[in-house]
Amino acid sequence: MTYAPDGSYSIISRKPSHTNSFEGTWQIRDRVLIMTLTNASDLKARRIVGGVERYSIIHVDDHQLICNEDGQTITLTR
């Protein structure tokens, strides 16, 4: 998962049977991470291109992002 300084992101999901890629844009507004999907290799995910996901930011620093989506805490570390 890569969040670029230009406001784009890319995610590569590898599974034993296949690899999927997702691309989009991101921004932070009022402590909310907003991600908009613009491209997907997965045929099912292509139906949601243009979809927007919002994550409430609990904590962010140079090495960690902790956010919440619908009551579920998500922690990303680099």
Protein backbone atom coordinates (compact mmCIF):
# COMPACT_ATOMS: atom_id res chain seq x y z
CA MET A 1 0.00 0.00 0.00
CA THR A 2 1.47 3.35 -1.05
CA TYR A 3 0.15 6.83 -0.28
CA ALA A 4 2.04 9.32 -2.49
CA PRO A 5 2.57 13.01 -1.65
CA ASP A 6 0.67 13.99 -4.83
CA GLY A 7 -2.58 12.64 -3.35
CA SER A 8 -2.61 9.31 -5.19
CA TYR A 9 -2.56 5.83 -3.69
CA SER A 10 -1.98 2.31 -4.93
CA ILE A 11 -2.66 -1.03 -3.30
CA ILE A 12 -1.46 -4.42 -4.51
CA SER A 13 -3.17 -7.44 -2.99
CA ARG A 14 -1.40 -10.76 -3.60
CA LYS A 15 -3.09 -14.09 -3.05
CA PRO A 16 -1.92 -17.56 -4.10
CA SER A 17 -4.36 -17.65 -7.02
CA HIS A 18 -4.16 -14.03 -8.27
CA THR A 19 -2.97 -10.47 -7.75
CA ASN A 20 -5.27 -7.43 -7.69
CA SER A 21 -4.31 -3.79 -7.93
CA PHE A 22 -6.27 -0.73 -6.89
CA GLU A 23 -5.51 2.94 -7.52
CA GLY A 24 -7.12 6.16 -6.46
CA THR A 25 -6.81 9.51 -4.79
CA TRP A 26 -6.63 10.39 -1.12
CA GLN A 27 -6.99 13.51 0.99
CA ILE A 28 -7.37 14.36 4.64
CA ARG A 29 -10.10 16.74 5.69
CA ASP A 30 -11.16 17.41 9.31
CA ARG A 31 -9.22 14.36 10.62
CA VAL A 32 -10.92 12.08 8.07
CA LEU A 33 -8.97 10.12 5.45
CA ILE A 34 -11.02 10.20 2.24
CA MET A 35 -10.11 7.65 -0.43
CA THR A 36 -11.66 7.60 -3.93
CA LEU A 37 -11.12 4.52 -6.10
CA THR A 38 -10.21 5.43 -9.69
CA ASN A 39 -8.97 2.12 -11.14
CA ALA A 40 -9.05 -1.57 -10.22
CA SER A 41 -7.82 -4.76 -11.86
CA ASP A 42 -10.44 -6.91 -10.13
CA LEU A 43 -13.63 -7.17 -12.20
CA LYS A 44 -15.87 -7.04 -9.10
CA ALA A 45 -14.07 -3.94 -7.79
CA ARG A 46 -14.41 -2.17 -11.14
CA ARG A 47 -18.11 -1.78 -10.36
CA ILE A 48 -17.20 0.49 -7.45
CA VAL A 49 -14.73 2.72 -9.32
CA GLY A 50 -15.63 6.23 -8.24
CA GLY A 51 -16.62 4.96 -4.81
CA VAL A 52 -15.49 6.93 -1.77
CA GLU A 53 -14.40 5.50 1.59
CA ARG A 54 -13.98 7.59 4.74
CA TYR A 55 -11.86 6.68 7.76
CA SER A 56 -11.81 8.72 10.98
CA ILE A 57 -8.18 9.30 11.98
CA ILE A 58 -7.40 8.38 15.58
CA HIS A 59 -3.62 8.84 15.35
CA VAL A 60 -1.06 9.57 12.63
CA ASP A 61 2.71 10.11 12.73
CA ASP A 62 5.72 9.34 10.51
CA HIS A 63 5.37 5.59 11.08
CA GLN A 64 1.78 4.80 11.94
CA LEU A 65 -1.78 5.55 10.88
CA ILE A 66 -4.62 4.43 13.13
CA CYS A 67 -8.12 5.02 11.88
CA ASN A 68 -11.67 3.84 12.40
CA GLU A 69 -14.25 2.67 9.90
CA ASP A 70 -17.71 1.73 11.16
CA GLY A 71 -16.41 0.84 14.63
CA GLN A 72 -13.45 -1.19 13.37
CA THR A 73 -9.96 0.06 14.22
CA ILE A 74 -7.40 -0.21 11.42
CA THR A 75 -3.67 0.18 12.12
CA LEU A 76 -1.15 0.70 9.31
CA THR A 77 2.55 0.71 10.16
CA ARG A 78 5.62 1.22 8.04
